[in-house]
Amino acid sequence: MRDWIPRSGCPIGPADLDPYYRDALTFAEAGNDDFDPVTTVERGMRPMIGGWASDVFDQSNLERFSCPTDFGRRWAKRLGLDPGLRVPLDGHVTESVTTPDGGHLNRLEIRTLSGKAFMLPAGWVILAIGGIETPRLLLASRRHNPNGIGNARGLVGRYYMCHIAGSSGEARFASPSIERST
């Protein structure tokens, strides 16, 4: 939450996500659901800067990333066992089309790189295309929704949080007993 940015902050908290971590990490082949570096890293994890403690800088965060898993190939057999489920591979959804009143998803328009186009009627649809592509598709689907699907209040994509990386400063330590790990 930032007082100077209207409607900032995340609308959900860690407790809302906790029940799903174990299954999601298994599905994504991203390790177990232990995010404490002291217990999950064999022999513990060294701090980034040994001998230095801070009340405002946390050196113990642990993130998990999925292997470069091809989910279509990895899970195709299991997904193919469900007769009510269709998983089109090698196609790109170019638009999610709602009913004219915007109340329900009607179909997905899909194109392949070779130029083939087809429609997939929608029953239940899971958009598992990531934190950037999901809002992009919802915002681009404007046929019956001038602001995009689900964006009547301008919130689609607003709470996106990325992995910030880069140099934010330089630290010089007066004490030679402080060691840096790389």
C-alpha atoms as a PDB file:
ATOM      1  CA  MET A   1       0.000   0.000   0.000  1.00  0.00           C
ATOM      2  CA  ARG A   2       1.272   3.459  -0.927  1.00  0.00           C
ATOM      3  CA  ASP A   3      -0.719   6.454   0.385  1.00  0.00           C
ATOM      4  CA  TRP A   4       0.224   8.568  -2.630  1.00  0.00           C
ATOM      5  CA  ILE A   5      -1.102   6.029  -5.202  1.00  0.00           C
ATOM      6  CA  PRO A   6      -4.899   5.630  -5.269  1.00  0.00           C
ATOM      7  CA  ARG A   7      -6.144   2.032  -4.876  1.00  0.00           C
ATOM      8  CA  SER A   8      -2.594   0.734  -4.468  1.00  0.00           C
ATOM      9  CA  GLY A   9      -1.765  -2.422  -2.581  1.00  0.00           C
ATOM     10  CA  CYS A  10      -2.613  -6.007  -3.327  1.00  0.00           C
ATOM     11  CA  PRO A  11      -6.281  -6.958  -2.945  1.00  0.00           C
ATOM     12  CA  ILE A  12      -5.364 -10.433  -1.637  1.00  0.00           C
ATOM     13  CA  GLY A  13      -2.915 -11.588   1.003  1.00  0.00           C
ATOM     14  CA  PRO A  14      -0.645 -14.593   1.565  1.00  0.00           C
ATOM     15  CA  ALA A  15      -3.372 -16.508   3.406  1.00  0.00           C
ATOM     16  CA  ASP A  16      -5.532 -16.376   0.249  1.00  0.00           C
ATOM     17  CA  LEU A  17      -2.784 -18.131  -1.734  1.00  0.00           C
ATOM     18  CA  ASP A  18      -1.432 -20.574   0.868  1.00  0.00           C
ATOM     19  CA  PRO A  19      -3.893 -23.406   0.072  1.00  0.00           C
ATOM     20  CA  TYR A  20      -2.708 -23.480  -3.558  1.00  0.00           C
ATOM     21  CA  TYR A  21       1.092 -23.307  -3.285  1.00  0.00           C
ATOM     22  CA  ARG A  22       1.817 -27.024  -2.913  1.00  0.00           C
ATOM     23  CA  ASP A  23      -0.227 -28.090  -5.960  1.00  0.00           C
ATOM     24  CA  ALA A  24       0.973 -25.145  -8.070  1.00  0.00           C
ATOM     25  CA  LEU A  25       4.642 -25.815  -7.277  1.00  0.00           C
ATOM     26  CA  THR A  26       4.218 -29.503  -8.093  1.00  0.00           C
ATOM     27  CA  PHE A  27       2.436 -28.730 -11.359  1.00  0.00           C
ATOM     28  CA  ALA A  28       5.098 -26.184 -12.355  1.00  0.00           C
ATOM     29  CA  GLU A  29       7.946 -28.459 -11.214  1.00  0.00           C
ATOM     30  CA  ALA A  30       9.264 -25.658  -9.002  1.00  0.00           C
ATOM     31  CA  GLY A  31      10.214 -27.544  -5.841  1.00  0.00           C
ATOM     32  CA  ASN A  32       8.494 -27.915  -2.492  1.00  0.00           C
ATOM     33  CA  ASP A  33       6.392 -25.364  -0.622  1.00  0.00           C
ATOM     34  CA  ASP A  34       9.068 -24.450   1.935  1.00  0.00           C
ATOM     35  CA  PHE A  35      10.205 -20.860   1.354  1.00  0.00           C
ATOM     36  CA  ASP A  36      12.468 -20.629   4.397  1.00  0.00           C
ATOM     37  CA  PRO A  37      16.070 -20.706   3.137  1.00  0.00           C
ATOM     38  CA  VAL A  38      17.324 -22.039   6.469  1.00  0.00           C
ATOM     39  CA  THR A  39      15.307 -25.260   6.141  1.00  0.00           C
ATOM     40  CA  THR A  40      14.867 -25.712   2.387  1.00  0.00           C
ATOM     41  CA  VAL A  41      18.477 -25.177   1.255  1.00  0.00           C
ATOM     42  CA  GLU A  42      20.766 -28.049   2.173  1.00  0.00           C
ATOM     43  CA  ARG A  43      23.144 -26.885   4.955  1.00  0.00           C
ATOM     44  CA  GLY A  44      21.213 -23.570   5.087  1.00  0.00           C
ATOM     45  CA  MET A  45      21.692 -20.509   2.951  1.00  0.00           C
ATOM     46  CA  ARG A  46      24.445 -18.003   3.610  1.00  0.00           C
ATOM     47  CA  PRO A  47      23.345 -14.386   3.897  1.00  0.00           C
ATOM     48  CA  MET A  48      24.181 -12.216   0.894  1.00  0.00           C
ATOM     49  CA  ILE A  49      26.294  -9.991   3.140  1.00  0.00           C
ATOM     50  CA  GLY A  50      27.839 -11.901   6.045  1.00  0.00           C
ATOM     51  CA  GLY A  51      28.203 -10.094   9.366  1.00  0.00           C
ATOM     52  CA  TRP A  52      25.714  -7.353   8.495  1.00  0.00           C
ATOM     53  CA  ALA A  53      22.215  -7.064   9.897  1.00  0.00           C
ATOM     54  CA  SER A  54      19.539  -4.540   9.017  1.00  0.00           C
ATOM     55  CA  ASP A  55      16.011  -3.769  10.124  1.00  0.00           C
ATOM     56  CA  VAL A  56      15.022  -2.632   6.619  1.00  0.00           C
ATOM     57  CA  PHE A  57      16.854  -5.084   4.340  1.00  0.00           C
ATOM     58  CA  ASP A  58      15.935  -8.771   4.349  1.00  0.00           C
ATOM     59  CA  GLN A  59      18.676 -11.146   3.200  1.00  0.00           C
ATOM     60  CA  SER A  60      16.674 -14.324   3.673  1.00  0.00           C
ATOM     61  CA  ASN A  61      14.097 -14.208   0.881  1.00  0.00           C
ATOM     62  CA  LEU A  62      13.773 -17.238  -1.339  1.00  0.00           C
ATOM     63  CA  GLU A  63      11.989 -17.324  -4.690  1.00  0.00           C
ATOM     64  CA  ARG A  64      11.163 -20.382  -6.723  1.00  0.00           C
ATOM     65  CA  PHE A  65      11.079 -20.535 -10.488  1.00  0.00           C
ATOM     66  CA  SER A  66       9.693 -23.279 -12.674  1.00  0.00           C
ATOM     67  CA  CYS A  67      11.956 -25.386 -14.823  1.00  0.00           C
ATOM     68  CA  PRO A  68      11.574 -24.529 -18.505  1.00  0.00           C
ATOM     69  CA  THR A  69       8.633 -26.913 -18.573  1.00  0.00           C
ATOM     70  CA  ASP A  70       6.634 -27.396 -21.758  1.00  0.00           C
ATOM     71  CA  PHE A  71       3.313 -27.793 -19.959  1.00  0.00           C
ATOM     72  CA  GLY A  72       1.505 -29.022 -23.081  1.00  0.00           C
ATOM     73  CA  ARG A  73       3.899 -31.892 -23.601  1.00  0.00           C
ATOM     74  CA  ARG A  74       4.480 -32.551 -19.890  1.00  0.00           C
ATOM     75  CA  TRP A  75       0.799 -32.829 -18.984  1.00  0.00           C
ATOM     76  CA  ALA A  76      -0.769 -33.785 -22.374  1.00  0.00           C
ATOM     77  CA  LYS A  77      -1.368 -37.429 -21.489  1.00  0.00           C
ATOM     78  CA  ARG A  78      -3.022 -36.622 -18.154  1.00  0.00           C
ATOM     79  CA  LEU A  79      -5.121 -33.807 -19.652  1.00  0.00           C
ATOM     80  CA  GLY A  80      -6.128 -36.086 -22.541  1.00  0.00           C
ATOM     81  CA  LEU A  81      -7.771 -38.508 -20.119  1.00  0.00           C
ATOM     82  CA  ASP A  82     -10.607 -36.046 -19.453  1.00  0.00           C
ATOM     83  CA  PRO A  83     -13.158 -36.384 -22.293  1.00  0.00           C
ATOM     84  CA  GLY A  84     -14.678 -32.990 -21.454  1.00  0.00           C
ATOM     85  CA  LEU A  85     -11.397 -31.101 -21.746  1.00  0.00           C
ATOM     86  CA  ARG A  86      -9.824 -29.672 -24.915  1.00  0.00           C
ATOM     87  CA  VAL A  87      -6.278 -28.331 -24.835  1.00  0.00           C
ATOM     88  CA  PRO A  88      -5.309 -26.800 -28.178  1.00  0.00           C
ATOM     89  CA  LEU A  89      -1.531 -26.681 -28.593  1.00  0.00           C
ATOM     90  CA  ASP A  90       0.515 -24.531 -30.971  1.00  0.00           C
ATOM     91  CA  GLY A  91      -2.301 -21.997 -31.266  1.00  0.00           C
ATOM     92  CA  HIS A  92      -2.432 -18.455 -29.980  1.00  0.00           C
ATOM     93  CA  VAL A  93      -5.598 -16.906 -28.588  1.00  0.00           C
ATOM     94  CA  THR A  94      -6.043 -13.597 -30.389  1.00  0.00           C
ATOM     95  CA  GLU A  95      -9.349 -12.638 -28.799  1.00  0.00           C
ATOM     96  CA  SER A  96     -11.685 -13.774 -26.053  1.00  0.00           C
ATOM     97  CA  VAL A  97     -15.185 -13.030 -27.329  1.00  0.00           C
ATOM     98  CA  THR A  98     -18.014 -12.488 -24.858  1.00  0.00           C
ATOM     99  CA  THR A  99     -21.752 -12.565 -25.389  1.00  0.00           C
ATOM    100  CA  PRO A 100     -23.031  -9.167 -26.633  1.00  0.00           C
ATOM    101  CA  ASP A 101     -24.013  -8.134 -23.092  1.00  0.00           C
ATOM    102  CA  GLY A 102     -20.448  -8.913 -21.922  1.00  0.00           C
ATOM    103  CA  GLY A 103     -21.733 -11.252 -19.226  1.00  0.00           C
ATOM    104  CA  HIS A 104     -20.223 -14.551 -20.385  1.00  0.00           C
ATOM    105  CA  LEU A 105     -17.308 -15.756 -22.432  1.00  0.00           C
ATOM    106  CA  ASN A 106     -18.677 -17.111 -25.697  1.00  0.00           C
ATOM    107  CA  ARG A 107     -15.610 -18.314 -27.605  1.00  0.00           C
ATOM    108  CA  LEU A 108     -11.874 -17.992 -28.078  1.00  0.00           C
ATOM    109  CA  GLU A 109     -10.498 -16.995 -31.453  1.00  0.00           C
ATOM    110  CA  ILE A 110      -7.246 -18.831 -32.122  1.00  0.00           C
ATOM    111  CA  ARG A 111      -4.595 -18.584 -34.835  1.00  0.00           C
ATOM    112  CA  THR A 112      -1.547 -20.712 -35.538  1.00  0.00           C
ATOM    113  CA  LEU A 113       1.786 -19.427 -36.828  1.00  0.00           C
ATOM    114  CA  SER A 114       1.007 -21.086 -40.184  1.00  0.00           C
ATOM    115  CA  GLY A 115      -2.076 -18.853 -40.520  1.00  0.00           C
ATOM    116  CA  LYS A 116      -4.790 -21.363 -39.646  1.00  0.00           C
ATOM    117  CA  ALA A 117      -7.651 -19.726 -37.714  1.00  0.00           C
ATOM    118  CA  PHE A 118     -10.374 -21.403 -35.713  1.00  0.00           C
ATOM    119  CA  MET A 119     -12.807 -20.742 -32.885  1.00  0.00           C
ATOM    120  CA  LEU A 120     -13.058 -22.700 -29.686  1.00  0.00           C
ATOM    121  CA  PRO A 121     -16.485 -22.499 -28.041  1.00  0.00           C
ATOM    122  CA  ALA A 122     -16.162 -21.592 -24.389  1.00  0.00           C
ATOM    123  CA  GLY A 123     -17.574 -23.539 -21.511  1.00  0.00           C
ATOM    124  CA  TRP A 124     -14.977 -23.129 -18.814  1.00  0.00           C
ATOM    125  CA  VAL A 125     -11.748 -21.483 -19.906  1.00  0.00           C
ATOM    126  CA  ILE A 126      -8.508 -21.276 -17.962  1.00  0.00           C
ATOM    127  CA  LEU A 127      -6.163 -18.575 -19.211  1.00  0.00           C
ATOM    128  CA  ALA A 128      -2.813 -19.931 -18.044  1.00  0.00           C
ATOM    129  CA  ILE A 129      -0.674 -17.562 -20.076  1.00  0.00           C
ATOM    130  CA  GLY A 130       1.167 -15.618 -17.408  1.00  0.00           C
ATOM    131  CA  GLY A 131       1.062 -12.344 -15.543  1.00  0.00           C
ATOM    132  CA  ILE A 132       1.641 -10.184 -18.618  1.00  0.00           C
ATOM    133  CA  GLU A 133      -0.220 -12.074 -21.347  1.00  0.00           C
ATOM    134  CA  THR A 134      -3.417 -12.671 -19.347  1.00  0.00           C
ATOM    135  CA  PRO A 135      -4.169  -8.964 -18.756  1.00  0.00           C
ATOM    136  CA  ARG A 136      -2.978  -8.166 -22.298  1.00  0.00           C
ATOM    137  CA  LEU A 137      -5.534 -10.577 -23.763  1.00  0.00           C
ATOM    138  CA  LEU A 138      -8.335  -9.374 -21.461  1.00  0.00           C
ATOM    139  CA  LEU A 139      -7.614  -5.729 -22.333  1.00  0.00           C
ATOM    140  CA  ALA A 140      -7.351  -6.481 -26.067  1.00  0.00           C
ATOM    141  CA  SER A 141     -10.704  -8.307 -26.155  1.00  0.00           C
ATOM    142  CA  ARG A 142     -12.913  -5.266 -26.747  1.00  0.00           C
ATOM    143  CA  ARG A 143     -15.550  -6.498 -29.188  1.00  0.00           C
ATOM    144  CA  HIS A 144     -18.378  -6.203 -26.629  1.00  0.00           C
ATOM    145  CA  ASN A 145     -16.425  -4.572 -23.779  1.00  0.00           C
ATOM    146  CA  PRO A 146     -14.915  -1.175 -24.674  1.00  0.00           C
ATOM    147  CA  ASN A 147     -12.461  -1.326 -21.733  1.00  0.00           C
ATOM    148  CA  GLY A 148     -11.643  -5.019 -22.175  1.00  0.00           C
ATOM    149  CA  ILE A 149     -12.986  -8.059 -20.357  1.00  0.00           C
ATOM    150  CA  GLY A 150     -13.379  -7.589 -16.607  1.00  0.00           C
ATOM    151  CA  ASN A 151     -12.037  -4.040 -16.764  1.00  0.00           C
ATOM    152  CA  ALA A 152     -15.119  -1.924 -16.075  1.00  0.00           C
ATOM    153  CA  ARG A 153     -13.284  -0.327 -13.122  1.00  0.00           C
ATOM    154  CA  GLY A 154      -9.859  -0.077 -14.777  1.00  0.00           C
ATOM    155  CA  LEU A 155      -8.252  -2.678 -12.500  1.00  0.00           C
ATOM    156  CA  VAL A 156      -7.085  -5.346 -14.984  1.00  0.00           C
ATOM    157  CA  GLY A 157      -3.302  -5.344 -14.803  1.00  0.00           C
ATOM    158  CA  ARG A 158      -3.210  -2.595 -12.172  1.00  0.00           C
ATOM    159  CA  TYR A 159      -1.895  -4.849  -9.404  1.00  0.00           C
ATOM    160  CA  TYR A 160       0.708  -6.628 -11.499  1.00  0.00           C
ATOM    161  CA  MET A 161       3.899  -7.229  -9.540  1.00  0.00           C
ATOM    162  CA  CYS A 162       7.044  -8.194 -11.386  1.00  0.00           C
ATOM    163  CA  HIS A 163      10.399  -9.466 -10.271  1.00  0.00           C
ATOM    164  CA  ILE A 164      12.401  -6.305  -9.777  1.00  0.00           C
ATOM    165  CA  ALA A 165      16.060  -6.769 -10.563  1.00  0.00           C
ATOM    166  CA  GLY A 166      19.002  -4.499 -11.001  1.00  0.00           C
ATOM    167  CA  SER A 167      21.483  -2.430  -9.082  1.00  0.00           C
ATOM    168  CA  SER A 168      19.838   0.014  -6.742  1.00  0.00           C
ATOM    169  CA  GLY A 169      22.928   1.322  -5.037  1.00  0.00           C
ATOM    170  CA  GLU A 170      26.339   0.591  -3.718  1.00  0.00           C
ATOM    171  CA  ALA A 171      27.344  -0.263  -0.156  1.00  0.00           C
ATOM    172  CA  ARG A 172      30.759   0.319   1.340  1.00  0.00           C
ATOM    173  CA  PHE A 173      31.487  -1.322   4.659  1.00  0.00           C
ATOM    174  CA  ALA A 174      33.919   0.165   7.140  1.00  0.00           C
ATOM    175  CA  SER A 175      34.463  -3.139   8.893  1.00  0.00           C
ATOM    176  CA  PRO A 176      36.726  -5.678   7.128  1.00  0.00           C
ATOM    177  CA  SER A 177      34.922  -8.490   9.009  1.00  0.00           C
ATOM    178  CA  ILE A 178      31.906  -8.132   6.749  1.00  0.00           C
ATOM    179  CA  GLU A 179      32.085 -10.477   3.806  1.00  0.00           C
ATOM    180  CA  ARG A 180      30.024 -10.459   0.638  1.00  0.00           C
ATOM    181  CA  SER A 181      28.792 -13.631  -1.034  1.00  0.00           C
ATOM    182  CA  THR A 182      28.252 -13.818  -4.764  1.00  0.00           C
END
